Amino acid sequence: MIVNISSGIGDLRPLDRSAGRAAASNNRVGYATTKAALNRMTNALAPELAADNIAAICVAPGFTRTELVDLLGERGFVDPDAAHDMSVPVDAVVGVILADDPLRYAGQVVQAKGFAEDA
């Protein structure tokens, strides 16, 4: 099994200019590009690996409470209380690894919060 850690910044979506400085701080071209490439690579690689019973999956942790989120909160860029606990992405990664049939997630970008709520 291959579990890649992605990010919502790799999703194709228009830039939200109404969010001001916080949106600008999240508009990191290199980071967004590599996460989008990771998502696509996982999607493209999954069918090839599935033939050998290997699941390639991405997990997107979502807005997770970390030390960086706390620092950005101190500077007024984000609301740390809006972030979910680190257990959410951890539970998603463990959930896909221990799934009865991990191949059902192959090629997908699994959203950690949604996965945790559905599990």
PDB file of N, CA and C in Angstrom:
ATOM      1  N   MET A   1       0.845  -1.176   0.000  1.00  0.00           N
ATOM      2  CA  MET A   1       0.000   0.000   0.000  1.00  0.00           C
ATOM      3  C   MET A   1       0.890   1.238   0.000  1.00  0.00           C
ATOM      4  N   ILE A   2       0.443   2.233  -0.737  1.00  0.00           N
ATOM      5  CA  ILE A   2       1.106   3.534  -0.764  1.00  0.00           C
ATOM      6  C   ILE A   2       0.078   4.562  -0.296  1.00  0.00           C
ATOM      7  N   VAL A   3       0.421   5.293   0.754  1.00  0.00           N
ATOM      8  CA  VAL A   3      -0.449   6.364   1.241  1.00  0.00           C
ATOM      9  C   VAL A   3       0.330   7.667   1.139  1.00  0.00           C
ATOM     10  N   ASN A   4      -0.106   8.530   0.238  1.00  0.00           N
ATOM     11  CA  ASN A   4       0.491   9.858   0.083  1.00  0.00           C
ATOM     12  C   ASN A   4      -0.310  10.861   0.901  1.00  0.00           C
ATOM     13  N   ILE A   5       0.367  11.844   1.449  1.00  0.00           N
ATOM     14  CA  ILE A   5      -0.314  12.899   2.196  1.00  0.00           C
ATOM     15  C   ILE A   5      -0.404  14.119   1.286  1.00  0.00           C
ATOM     16  N   SER A   6      -1.609  14.495   0.979  1.00  0.00           N
ATOM     17  CA  SER A   6      -1.864  15.573   0.046  1.00  0.00           C
ATOM     18  C   SER A   6      -2.267  16.836   0.807  1.00  0.00           C
ATOM     19  N   SER A   7      -2.977  17.705   0.120  1.00  0.00           N
ATOM     20  CA  SER A   7      -3.469  18.942   0.719  1.00  0.00           C
ATOM     21  C   SER A   7      -4.587  19.488  -0.154  1.00  0.00           C
ATOM     22  N   GLY A   8      -5.518  20.170   0.468  1.00  0.00           N
ATOM     23  CA  GLY A   8      -6.595  20.805  -0.276  1.00  0.00           C
ATOM     24  C   GLY A   8      -6.087  21.865  -1.233  1.00  0.00           C
ATOM     25  N   ILE A   9      -4.892  22.377  -1.001  1.00  0.00           N
ATOM     26  CA  ILE A   9      -4.353  23.409  -1.881  1.00  0.00           C
ATOM     27  C   ILE A   9      -4.026  22.843  -3.262  1.00  0.00           C
ATOM     28  N   GLY A  10      -3.963  21.510  -3.374  1.00  0.00           N
ATOM     29  CA  GLY A  10      -3.728  20.875  -4.660  1.00  0.00           C
ATOM     30  C   GLY A  10      -4.982  20.738  -5.501  1.00  0.00           C
ATOM     31  N   ASP A  11      -6.146  21.043  -4.923  1.00  0.00           N
ATOM     32  CA  ASP A  11      -7.409  20.972  -5.664  1.00  0.00           C
ATOM     33  C   ASP A  11      -7.504  22.140  -6.636  1.00  0.00           C
ATOM     34  N   LEU A  12      -8.156  21.908  -7.755  1.00  0.00           N
ATOM     35  CA  LEU A  12      -8.404  22.989  -8.699  1.00  0.00           C
ATOM     36  C   LEU A  12      -9.594  23.803  -8.212  1.00  0.00           C
ATOM     37  N   ARG A  13      -9.355  25.057  -7.923  1.00  0.00           N
ATOM     38  CA  ARG A  13     -10.423  25.946  -7.481  1.00  0.00           C
ATOM     39  C   ARG A  13      -9.956  27.388  -7.666  1.00  0.00           C
ATOM     40  N   PRO A  14     -10.889  28.287  -7.852  1.00  0.00           N
ATOM     41  CA  PRO A  14     -10.486  29.688  -8.029  1.00  0.00           C
ATOM     42  C   PRO A  14      -9.930  30.271  -6.725  1.00  0.00           C
ATOM     43  N   LEU A  15      -9.035  31.223  -6.865  1.00  0.00           N
ATOM     44  CA  LEU A  15      -8.463  31.911  -5.714  1.00  0.00           C
ATOM     45  C   LEU A  15      -9.511  32.775  -5.057  1.00  0.00           C
ATOM     46  N   ASP A  16      -9.636  32.668  -3.757  1.00  0.00           N
ATOM     47  CA  ASP A  16     -10.592  33.471  -2.994  1.00  0.00           C
ATOM     48  C   ASP A  16      -9.905  34.766  -2.572  1.00  0.00           C
ATOM     49  N   ARG A  17     -10.128  35.827  -3.315  1.00  0.00           N
ATOM     50  CA  ARG A  17      -9.486  37.114  -3.017  1.00  0.00           C
ATOM     51  C   ARG A  17     -10.148  37.836  -1.847  1.00  0.00           C
ATOM     52  N   SER A  18     -11.345  37.430  -1.464  1.00  0.00           N
ATOM     53  CA  SER A  18     -12.046  38.109  -0.369  1.00  0.00           C
ATOM     54  C   SER A  18     -11.418  37.822   0.983  1.00  0.00           C
ATOM     55  N   ALA A  19     -10.605  36.778   1.073  1.00  0.00           N
ATOM     56  CA  ALA A  19     -10.014  36.409   2.353  1.00  0.00           C
ATOM     57  C   ALA A  19      -8.766  37.223   2.680  1.00  0.00           C
ATOM     58  N   GLY A  20      -8.341  38.089   1.771  1.00  0.00           N
ATOM     59  CA  GLY A  20      -7.237  39.010   2.048  1.00  0.00           C
ATOM     60  C   GLY A  20      -5.907  38.325   2.250  1.00  0.00           C
ATOM     61  N   ARG A  21      -5.198  38.735   3.300  1.00  0.00           N
ATOM     62  CA  ARG A  21      -3.840  38.254   3.548  1.00  0.00           C
ATOM     63  C   ARG A  21      -3.788  36.754   3.782  1.00  0.00           C
ATOM     64  N   ALA A  22      -4.800  36.191   4.425  1.00  0.00           N
ATOM     65  CA  ALA A  22      -4.790  34.755   4.686  1.00  0.00           C
ATOM     66  C   ALA A  22      -4.791  33.975   3.379  1.00  0.00           C
ATOM     67  N   ALA A  23      -5.594  34.412   2.406  1.00  0.00           N
ATOM     68  CA  ALA A  23      -5.630  33.729   1.112  1.00  0.00           C
ATOM     69  C   ALA A  23      -4.293  33.884   0.408  1.00  0.00           C
ATOM     70  N   ALA A  24      -3.709  35.073   0.470  1.00  0.00           N
ATOM     71  CA  ALA A  24      -2.435  35.313  -0.191  1.00  0.00           C
ATOM     72  C   ALA A  24      -1.342  34.436   0.412  1.00  0.00           C
ATOM     73  N   SER A  25      -1.361  34.216   1.729  1.00  0.00           N
ATOM     74  CA  SER A  25      -0.336  33.394   2.361  1.00  0.00           C
ATOM     75  C   SER A  25      -0.485  31.936   1.957  1.00  0.00           C
ATOM     76  N   ASN A  26      -1.677  31.529   1.517  1.00  0.00           N
ATOM     77  CA  ASN A  26      -1.901  30.147   1.109  1.00  0.00           C
ATOM     78  C   ASN A  26      -1.692  29.946  -0.386  1.00  0.00           C
ATOM     79  N   ASN A  27      -1.401  30.987  -1.120  1.00  0.00           N
ATOM     80  CA  ASN A  27      -1.232  30.886  -2.564  1.00  0.00           C
ATOM     81  C   ASN A  27       0.243  30.642  -2.877  1.00  0.00           C
ATOM     82  N   ARG A  28       0.734  29.468  -2.507  1.00  0.00           N
ATOM     83  CA  ARG A  28       2.129  29.111  -2.733  1.00  0.00           C
ATOM     84  C   ARG A  28       2.197  28.225  -3.963  1.00  0.00           C
ATOM     85  N   VAL A  29       2.677  28.780  -5.049  1.00  0.00           N
ATOM     86  CA  VAL A  29       2.647  28.114  -6.342  1.00  0.00           C
ATOM     87  C   VAL A  29       3.355  26.757  -6.302  1.00  0.00           C
ATOM     88  N   GLY A  30       4.560  26.711  -5.789  1.00  0.00           N
ATOM     89  CA  GLY A  30       5.316  25.457  -5.770  1.00  0.00           C
ATOM     90  C   GLY A  30       4.631  24.376  -4.952  1.00  0.00           C
ATOM     91  N   TYR A  31       4.160  24.745  -3.767  1.00  0.00           N
ATOM     92  CA  TYR A  31       3.495  23.778  -2.892  1.00  0.00           C
ATOM     93  C   TYR A  31       2.204  23.284  -3.522  1.00  0.00           C
ATOM     94  N   ALA A  32       1.404  24.200  -4.044  1.00  0.00           N
ATOM     95  CA  ALA A  32       0.133  23.824  -4.672  1.00  0.00           C
ATOM     96  C   ALA A  32       0.370  22.931  -5.887  1.00  0.00           C
ATOM     97  N   THR A  33       1.382  23.256  -6.665  1.00  0.00           N
ATOM     98  CA  THR A  33       1.685  22.476  -7.865  1.00  0.00           C
ATOM     99  C   THR A  33       2.111  21.063  -7.510  1.00  0.00           C
ATOM    100  N   THR A  34       2.971  20.918  -6.504  1.00  0.00           N
ATOM    101  CA  THR A  34       3.432  19.572  -6.145  1.00  0.00           C
ATOM    102  C   THR A  34       2.308  18.737  -5.546  1.00  0.00           C
ATOM    103  N   LYS A  35       1.421  19.349  -4.786  1.00  0.00           N
ATOM    104  CA  LYS A  35       0.295  18.596  -4.223  1.00  0.00           C
ATOM    105  C   LYS A  35      -0.677  18.174  -5.319  1.00  0.00           C
ATOM    106  N   ALA A  36      -0.912  19.042  -6.299  1.00  0.00           N
ATOM    107  CA  ALA A  36      -1.772  18.672  -7.439  1.00  0.00           C
ATOM    108  C   ALA A  36      -1.129  17.532  -8.227  1.00  0.00           C
ATOM    109  N   ALA A  37       0.185  17.592  -8.408  1.00  0.00           N
ATOM    110  CA  ALA A  37       0.893  16.528  -9.125  1.00  0.00           C
ATOM    111  C   ALA A  37       0.837  15.218  -8.347  1.00  0.00           C
ATOM    112  N   LEU A  38       0.961  15.297  -7.038  1.00  0.00           N
ATOM    113  CA  LEU A  38       0.874  14.097  -6.195  1.00  0.00           C
ATOM    114  C   LEU A  38      -0.511  13.460  -6.310  1.00  0.00           C
ATOM    115  N   ASN A  39      -1.547  14.275  -6.291  1.00  0.00           N
ATOM    116  CA  ASN A  39      -2.916  13.764  -6.446  1.00  0.00           C
ATOM    117  C   ASN A  39      -3.064  13.047  -7.781  1.00  0.00           C
ATOM    118  N   ARG A  40      -2.601  13.685  -8.841  1.00  0.00           N
ATOM    119  CA  ARG A  40      -2.743  13.117 -10.184  1.00  0.00           C
ATOM    120  C   ARG A  40      -1.887  11.871 -10.347  1.00  0.00           C
ATOM    121  N   MET A  41      -0.677  11.868  -9.782  1.00  0.00           N
ATOM    122  CA  MET A  41       0.185  10.702  -9.867  1.00  0.00           C
ATOM    123  C   MET A  41      -0.477   9.505  -9.173  1.00  0.00           C
ATOM    124  N   THR A  42      -1.044   9.743  -8.013  1.00  0.00           N
ATOM    125  CA  THR A  42      -1.733   8.668  -7.297  1.00  0.00           C
ATOM    126  C   THR A  42      -2.888   8.134  -8.120  1.00  0.00           C
ATOM    127  N   ASN A  43      -3.653   9.047  -8.720  1.00  0.00           N
ATOM    128  CA  ASN A  43      -4.786   8.663  -9.549  1.00  0.00           C
ATOM    129  C   ASN A  43      -4.349   7.841 -10.760  1.00  0.00           C
ATOM    130  N   ALA A  44      -3.259   8.235 -11.397  1.00  0.00           N
ATOM    131  CA  ALA A  44      -2.783   7.556 -12.601  1.00  0.00           C
ATOM    132  C   ALA A  44      -2.077   6.238 -12.279  1.00  0.00           C
ATOM    133  N   LEU A  45      -1.397   6.174 -11.156  1.00  0.00           N
ATOM    134  CA  LEU A  45      -0.637   4.987 -10.776  1.00  0.00           C
ATOM    135  C   LEU A  45      -1.529   3.877 -10.229  1.00  0.00           C
ATOM    136  N   ALA A  46      -2.645   4.240  -9.626  1.00  0.00           N
ATOM    137  CA  ALA A  46      -3.505   3.271  -8.943  1.00  0.00           C
ATOM    138  C   ALA A  46      -3.931   2.092  -9.814  1.00  0.00           C
ATOM    139  N   PRO A  47      -4.397   2.298 -11.050  1.00  0.00           N
ATOM    140  CA  PRO A  47      -4.815   1.142 -11.850  1.00  0.00           C
ATOM    141  C   PRO A  47      -3.664   0.171 -12.160  1.00  0.00           C
ATOM    142  N   GLU A  48      -2.470   0.714 -12.367  1.00  0.00           N
ATOM    143  CA  GLU A  48      -1.325  -0.146 -12.643  1.00  0.00           C
ATOM    144  C   GLU A  48      -0.965  -0.993 -11.427  1.00  0.00           C
ATOM    145  N   LEU A  49      -0.987  -0.384 -10.242  1.00  0.00           N
ATOM    146  CA  LEU A  49      -0.620  -1.103  -9.028  1.00  0.00           C
ATOM    147  C   LEU A  49      -1.715  -2.045  -8.555  1.00  0.00           C
ATOM    148  N   ALA A  50      -2.962  -1.712  -8.844  1.00  0.00           N
ATOM    149  CA  ALA A  50      -4.086  -2.550  -8.405  1.00  0.00           C
ATOM    150  C   ALA A  50      -3.969  -3.955  -8.977  1.00  0.00           C
ATOM    151  N   ALA A  51      -3.397  -4.083 -10.159  1.00  0.00           N
ATOM    152  CA  ALA A  51      -3.214  -5.403 -10.759  1.00  0.00           C
ATOM    153  C   ALA A  51      -2.334  -6.298  -9.886  1.00  0.00           C
ATOM    154  N   ASP A  52      -1.472  -5.673  -9.091  1.00  0.00           N
ATOM    155  CA  ASP A  52      -0.615  -6.415  -8.156  1.00  0.00           C
ATOM    156  C   ASP A  52      -1.140  -6.340  -6.719  1.00  0.00           C
ATOM    157  N   ASN A  53      -2.400  -5.961  -6.581  1.00  0.00           N
ATOM    158  CA  ASN A  53      -3.060  -5.866  -5.278  1.00  0.00           C
ATOM    159  C   ASN A  53      -2.414  -4.825  -4.358  1.00  0.00           C
ATOM    160  N   ILE A  54      -1.930  -3.732  -4.959  1.00  0.00           N
ATOM    161  CA  ILE A  54      -1.339  -2.626  -4.201  1.00  0.00           C
ATOM    162  C   ILE A  54      -2.239  -1.416  -4.374  1.00  0.00           C
ATOM    163  N   ALA A  55      -2.671  -0.845  -3.270  1.00  0.00           N
ATOM    164  CA  ALA A  55      -3.520   0.344  -3.301  1.00  0.00           C
ATOM    165  C   ALA A  55      -2.661   1.593  -3.155  1.00  0.00           C
ATOM    166  N   ALA A  56      -2.820   2.541  -4.075  1.00  0.00           N
ATOM    167  CA  ALA A  56      -2.175   3.855  -3.994  1.00  0.00           C
ATOM    168  C   ALA A  56      -3.269   4.869  -3.667  1.00  0.00           C
ATOM    169  N   ILE A  57      -3.121   5.551  -2.558  1.00  0.00           N
ATOM    170  CA  ILE A  57      -4.166   6.425  -2.024  1.00  0.00           C
ATOM    171  C   ILE A  57      -3.533   7.730  -1.543  1.00  0.00           C
ATOM    172  N   CYS A  58      -4.255   8.839  -1.681  1.00  0.00           N
ATOM    173  CA  CYS A  58      -3.864  10.111  -1.066  1.00  0.00           C
ATOM    174  C   CYS A  58      -4.822  10.389   0.089  1.00  0.00           C
ATOM    175  N   VAL A  59      -4.296  10.924   1.157  1.00  0.00           N
ATOM    176  CA  VAL A  59      -5.128  11.423   2.246  1.00  0.00           C
ATOM    177  C   VAL A  59      -4.860  12.918   2.370  1.00  0.00           C
ATOM    178  N   ALA A  60      -5.927  13.709   2.294  1.00  0.00           N
ATOM    179  CA  ALA A  60      -5.833  15.155   2.494  1.00  0.00           C
ATOM    180  C   ALA A  60      -6.264  15.441   3.931  1.00  0.00           C
ATOM    181  N   PRO A  61      -5.347  15.907   4.771  1.00  0.00           N
ATOM    182  CA  PRO A  61      -5.657  16.074   6.183  1.00  0.00           C
ATOM    183  C   PRO A  61      -6.691  17.157   6.481  1.00  0.00           C
ATOM    184  N   GLY A  62      -6.829  18.147   5.593  1.00  0.00           N
ATOM    185  CA  GLY A  62      -7.736  19.253   5.888  1.00  0.00           C
ATOM    186  C   GLY A  62      -7.099  20.223   6.876  1.00  0.00           C
ATOM    187  N   PHE A  63      -7.886  21.151   7.349  1.00  0.00           N
ATOM    188  CA  PHE A  63      -7.380  22.195   8.255  1.00  0.00           C
ATOM    189  C   PHE A  63      -7.193  21.588   9.640  1.00  0.00           C
ATOM    190  N   THR A  64      -5.941  21.251   9.939  1.00  0.00           N
ATOM    191  CA  THR A  64      -5.592  20.502  11.141  1.00  0.00           C
ATOM    192  C   THR A  64      -4.814  21.385  12.107  1.00  0.00           C
ATOM    193  N   ARG A  65      -5.128  21.270  13.382  1.00  0.00           N
ATOM    194  CA  ARG A  65      -4.455  22.059  14.429  1.00  0.00           C
ATOM    195  C   ARG A  65      -3.030  21.566  14.610  1.00  0.00           C
ATOM    196  N   THR A  66      -2.083  22.419  14.236  1.00  0.00           N
ATOM    197  CA  THR A  66      -0.652  22.135  14.380  1.00  0.00           C
ATOM    198  C   THR A  66       0.015  23.349  15.013  1.00  0.00           C
ATOM    199  N   GLU A  67       1.302  23.237  15.280  1.00  0.00           N
ATOM    200  CA  GLU A  67       2.045  24.371  15.818  1.00  0.00           C
ATOM    201  C   GLU A  67       2.027  25.541  14.829  1.00  0.00           C
ATOM    202  N   LEU A  68       2.117  25.233  13.528  1.00  0.00           N
ATOM    203  CA  LEU A  68       2.086  26.290  12.514  1.00  0.00           C
ATOM    204  C   LEU A  68       0.738  27.011  12.525  1.00  0.00           C
ATOM    205  N   VAL A  69      -0.335  26.268  12.659  1.00  0.00           N
ATOM    206  CA  VAL A  69      -1.664  26.890  12.718  1.00  0.00           C
ATOM    207  C   VAL A  69      -1.744  27.814  13.930  1.00  0.00           C
ATOM    208  N   ASP A  70      -1.197  27.389  15.064  1.00  0.00           N
ATOM    209  CA  ASP A  70      -1.186  28.251  16.256  1.00  0.00           C
ATOM    210  C   ASP A  70      -0.385  29.530  16.013  1.00  0.00           C
ATOM    211  N   LEU A  71       0.785  29.406  15.344  1.00  0.00           N
ATOM    212  CA  LEU A  71       1.594  30.598  15.043  1.00  0.00           C
ATOM    213  C   LEU A  71       0.866  31.532  14.083  1.00  0.00           C
ATOM    214  N   LEU A  72       0.227  30.962  13.044  1.00  0.00           N
ATOM    215  CA  LEU A  72      -0.535  31.787  12.106  1.00  0.00           C
ATOM    216  C   LEU A  72      -1.724  32.443  12.797  1.00  0.00           C
ATOM    217  N   GLY A  73      -2.286  31.758  13.769  1.00  0.00           N
ATOM    218  CA  GLY A  73      -3.383  32.327  14.545  1.00  0.00           C
ATOM    219  C   GLY A  73      -2.936  33.511  15.372  1.00  0.00           C
ATOM    220  N   GLU A  74      -1.755  33.405  15.960  1.00  0.00           N
ATOM    221  CA  GLU A  74      -1.207  34.522  16.739  1.00  0.00           C
ATOM    222  C   GLU A  74      -0.994  35.757  15.873  1.00  0.00           C
ATOM    223  N   ARG A  75      -0.748  35.557  14.599  1.00  0.00           N
ATOM    224  CA  ARG A  75      -0.515  36.668  13.671  1.00  0.00           C
ATOM    225  C   ARG A  75      -1.787  37.115  12.959  1.00  0.00           C
ATOM    226  N   GLY A  76      -2.911  36.475  13.288  1.00  0.00           N
ATOM    227  CA  GLY A  76      -4.188  36.886  12.734  1.00  0.00           C
ATOM    228  C   GLY A  76      -4.511  36.352  11.352  1.00  0.00           C
ATOM    229  N   PHE A  77      -3.744  35.361  10.877  1.00  0.00           N
ATOM    230  CA  PHE A  77      -3.987  34.816   9.544  1.00  0.00           C
ATOM    231  C   PHE A  77      -5.090  33.762   9.522  1.00  0.00           C
ATOM    232  N   VAL A  78      -5.221  32.993  10.580  1.00  0.00           N
ATOM    233  CA  VAL A  78      -6.221  31.921  10.634  1.00  0.00           C
ATOM    234  C   VAL A  78      -6.855  31.885  12.022  1.00  0.00           C
ATOM    235  N   ASP A  79      -7.951  31.169  12.132  1.00  0.00           N
ATOM    236  CA  ASP A  79      -8.592  30.917  13.426  1.00  0.00           C
ATOM    237  C   ASP A  79      -8.238  29.494  13.849  1.00  0.00           C
ATOM    238  N   PRO A  80      -7.282  29.322  14.771  1.00  0.00           N
ATOM    239  CA  PRO A  80      -6.867  27.978  15.170  1.00  0.00           C
ATOM    240  C   PRO A  80      -8.016  27.129  15.723  1.00  0.00           C
ATOM    241  N   ASP A  81      -9.007  27.780  16.312  1.00  0.00           N
ATOM    242  CA  ASP A  81     -10.128  27.026  16.870  1.00  0.00           C
ATOM    243  C   ASP A  81     -11.005  26.402  15.786  1.00  0.00           C
ATOM    244  N   ALA A  82     -10.861  26.856  14.541  1.00  0.00           N
ATOM    245  CA  ALA A  82     -11.622  26.277  13.431  1.00  0.00           C
ATOM    246  C   ALA A  82     -10.968  24.993  12.908  1.00  0.00           C
ATOM    247  N   ALA A  83      -9.730  24.743  13.323  1.00  0.00           N
ATOM    248  CA  ALA A  83      -9.010  23.554  12.859  1.00  0.00           C
ATOM    249  C   ALA A  83      -9.432  22.331  13.666  1.00  0.00           C
ATOM    250  N   HIS A  84      -9.409  21.164  12.991  1.00  0.00           N
ATOM    251  CA  HIS A  84      -9.712  19.942  13.727  1.00  0.00           C
ATOM    252  C   HIS A  84      -8.437  19.358  14.325  1.00  0.00           C
ATOM    253  N   ASP A  85      -8.623  18.457  15.247  1.00  0.00           N
ATOM    254  CA  ASP A  85      -7.538  17.825  15.980  1.00  0.00           C
ATOM    255  C   ASP A  85      -6.703  16.927  15.065  1.00  0.00           C
ATOM    256  N   MET A  86      -5.445  16.745  15.397  1.00  0.00           N
ATOM    257  CA  MET A  86      -4.536  15.894  14.626  1.00  0.00           C
ATOM    258  C   MET A  86      -5.037  14.457  14.531  1.00  0.00           C
ATOM    259  N   SER A  87      -5.883  14.051  15.448  1.00  0.00           N
ATOM    260  CA  SER A  87      -6.403  12.678  15.410  1.00  0.00           C
ATOM    261  C   SER A  87      -7.243  12.419  14.157  1.00  0.00           C
ATOM    262  N   VAL A  88      -7.815  13.462  13.561  1.00  0.00           N
ATOM    263  CA  VAL A  88      -8.660  13.273  12.369  1.00  0.00           C
ATOM    264  C   VAL A  88      -7.848  12.730  11.189  1.00  0.00           C
ATOM    265  N   PRO A  89      -6.749  13.375  10.765  1.00  0.00           N
ATOM    266  CA  PRO A  89      -5.984  12.779   9.669  1.00  0.00           C
ATOM    267  C   PRO A  89      -5.301  11.468  10.052  1.00  0.00           C
ATOM    268  N   VAL A  90      -4.877  11.350  11.299  1.00  0.00           N
ATOM    269  CA  VAL A  90      -4.254  10.096  11.740  1.00  0.00           C
ATOM    270  C   VAL A  90      -5.256   8.953  11.630  1.00  0.00           C
ATOM    271  N   ASP A  91      -6.480   9.178  12.088  1.00  0.00           N
ATOM    272  CA  ASP A  91      -7.514   8.146  11.995  1.00  0.00           C
ATOM    273  C   ASP A  91      -7.823   7.790  10.549  1.00  0.00           C
ATOM    274  N   ALA A  92      -7.786   8.773   9.649  1.00  0.00           N
ATOM    275  CA  ALA A  92      -8.045   8.500   8.233  1.00  0.00           C
ATOM    276  C   ALA A  92      -6.944   7.626   7.641  1.00  0.00           C
ATOM    277  N   VAL A  93      -5.686   7.943   7.923  1.00  0.00           N
ATOM    278  CA  VAL A  93      -4.575   7.142   7.409  1.00  0.00           C
ATOM    279  C   VAL A  93      -4.668   5.718   7.942  1.00  0.00           C
ATOM    280  N   VAL A  94      -4.868   5.579   9.239  1.00  0.00           N
ATOM    281  CA  VAL A  94      -4.991   4.243   9.836  1.00  0.00           C
ATOM    282  C   VAL A  94      -6.212   3.525   9.264  1.00  0.00           C
ATOM    283  N   GLY A  95      -7.293   4.258   9.046  1.00  0.00           N
ATOM    284  CA  GLY A  95      -8.509   3.666   8.504  1.00  0.00           C
ATOM    285  C   GLY A  95      -8.324   3.082   7.118  1.00  0.00           C
ATOM    286  N   VAL A  96      -7.625   3.798   6.231  1.00  0.00           N
ATOM    287  CA  VAL A  96      -7.413   3.256   4.885  1.00  0.00           C
ATOM    288  C   VAL A  96      -6.431   2.090   4.914  1.00  0.00           C
ATOM    289  N   ILE A  97      -5.453   2.146   5.798  1.00  0.00           N
ATOM    290  CA  ILE A  97      -4.488   1.046   5.905  1.00  0.00           C
ATOM    291  C   ILE A  97      -5.164  -0.225   6.407  1.00  0.00           C
ATOM    292  N   LEU A  98      -6.057  -0.081   7.389  1.00  0.00           N
ATOM    293  CA  LEU A  98      -6.700  -1.245   7.997  1.00  0.00           C
ATOM    294  C   LEU A  98      -8.028  -1.623   7.355  1.00  0.00           C
ATOM    295  N   ALA A  99      -8.416  -0.943   6.288  1.00  0.00           N
ATOM    296  CA  ALA A  99      -9.697  -1.235   5.630  1.00  0.00           C
ATOM    297  C   ALA A  99      -9.729  -2.677   5.135  1.00  0.00           C
ATOM    298  N   ASP A 100     -10.920  -3.279   5.177  1.00  0.00           N
ATOM    299  CA  ASP A 100     -11.082  -4.639   4.668  1.00  0.00           C
ATOM    300  C   ASP A 100     -10.636  -4.737   3.218  1.00  0.00           C
ATOM    301  N   ASP A 101     -10.927  -3.708   2.430  1.00  0.00           N
ATOM    302  CA  ASP A 101     -10.543  -3.677   1.020  1.00  0.00           C
ATOM    303  C   ASP A 101      -9.962  -2.311   0.681  1.00  0.00           C
ATOM    304  N   PRO A 102      -8.669  -2.093   0.972  1.00  0.00           N
ATOM    305  CA  PRO A 102      -8.063  -0.790   0.684  1.00  0.00           C
ATOM    306  C   PRO A 102      -8.123  -0.406  -0.790  1.00  0.00           C
ATOM    307  N   LEU A 103      -8.232  -1.389  -1.678  1.00  0.00           N
ATOM    308  CA  LEU A 103      -8.286  -1.080  -3.111  1.00  0.00           C
ATOM    309  C   LEU A 103      -9.523  -0.269  -3.469  1.00  0.00           C
ATOM    310  N   ARG A 104     -10.547  -0.272  -2.627  1.00  0.00           N
ATOM    311  CA  ARG A 104     -11.732   0.539  -2.939  1.00  0.00           C
ATOM    312  C   ARG A 104     -11.418   2.032  -2.867  1.00  0.00           C
ATOM    313  N   TYR A 105     -10.328   2.397  -2.200  1.00  0.00           N
ATOM    314  CA  TYR A 105      -9.902   3.803  -2.119  1.00  0.00           C
ATOM    315  C   TYR A 105      -8.802   4.130  -3.126  1.00  0.00           C
ATOM    316  N   ALA A 106      -8.338   3.138  -3.871  1.00  0.00           N
ATOM    317  CA  ALA A 106      -7.199   3.321  -4.772  1.00  0.00           C
ATOM    318  C   ALA A 106      -7.459   4.446  -5.770  1.00  0.00           C
ATOM    319  N   GLY A 107      -6.469   5.313  -5.912  1.00  0.00           N
ATOM    320  CA  GLY A 107      -6.544   6.418  -6.856  1.00  0.00           C
ATOM    321  C   GLY A 107      -7.300   7.628  -6.349  1.00  0.00           C
ATOM    322  N   GLN A 108      -7.844   7.541  -5.160  1.00  0.00           N
ATOM    323  CA  GLN A 108      -8.652   8.632  -4.623  1.00  0.00           C
ATOM    324  C   GLN A 108      -7.842   9.566  -3.729  1.00  0.00           C
ATOM    325  N   VAL A 109      -8.339  10.781  -3.592  1.00  0.00           N
ATOM    326  CA  VAL A 109      -7.863  11.703  -2.570  1.00  0.00           C
ATOM    327  C   VAL A 109      -8.922  11.659  -1.477  1.00  0.00           C
ATOM    328  N   VAL A 110      -8.607  10.978  -0.401  1.00  0.00           N
ATOM    329  CA  VAL A 110      -9.537  10.796   0.705  1.00  0.00           C
ATOM    330  C   VAL A 110      -9.451  12.021   1.618  1.00  0.00           C
ATOM    331  N   GLN A 111     -10.579  12.680   1.816  1.00  0.00           N
ATOM    332  CA  GLN A 111     -10.628  13.824   2.720  1.00  0.00           C
ATOM    333  C   GLN A 111     -10.727  13.294   4.152  1.00  0.00           C
ATOM    334  N   ALA A 112      -9.753  13.614   4.988  1.00  0.00           N
ATOM    335  CA  ALA A 112      -9.665  13.028   6.320  1.00  0.00           C
ATOM    336  C   ALA A 112     -10.924  13.250   7.138  1.00  0.00           C
ATOM    337  N   LYS A 113     -11.435  14.471   7.159  1.00  0.00           N
ATOM    338  CA  LYS A 113     -12.603  14.754   7.994  1.00  0.00           C
ATOM    339  C   LYS A 113     -13.820  13.959   7.521  1.00  0.00           C
ATOM    340  N   GLY A 114     -14.059  13.941   6.233  1.00  0.00           N
ATOM    341  CA  GLY A 114     -15.183  13.180   5.699  1.00  0.00           C
ATOM    342  C   GLY A 114     -15.035  11.689   5.938  1.00  0.00           C
ATOM    343  N   PHE A 115     -13.795  11.190   5.811  1.00  0.00           N
ATOM    344  CA  PHE A 115     -13.534   9.780   6.037  1.00  0.00           C
ATOM    345  C   PHE A 115     -13.825   9.426   7.481  1.00  0.00           C
ATOM    346  N   ALA A 116     -13.361  10.257   8.412  1.00  0.00           N
ATOM    347  CA  ALA A 116     -13.567  10.003   9.836  1.00  0.00           C
ATOM    348  C   ALA A 116     -15.049  10.022  10.178  1.00  0.00           C
ATOM    349  N   GLU A 117     -15.805  10.926   9.555  1.00  0.00           N
ATOM    350  CA  GLU A 117     -17.236  11.012   9.828  1.00  0.00           C
ATOM    351  C   GLU A 117     -17.994   9.808   9.267  1.00  0.00           C
ATOM    352  N   ASP A 118     -17.531   9.285   8.119  1.00  0.00           N
ATOM    353  CA  ASP A 118     -18.206   8.139   7.491  1.00  0.00           C
ATOM    354  C   ASP A 118     -17.839   6.819   8.147  1.00  0.00           C
ATOM    355  N   ALA A 119     -16.649   6.773   8.748  1.00  0.00           N
ATOM    356  CA  ALA A 119     -16.160   5.499   9.330  1.00  0.00           C
ATOM    357  C   ALA A 119     -16.871   5.132  10.605  1.00  0.00           C
TER     358      ALA A 119
END
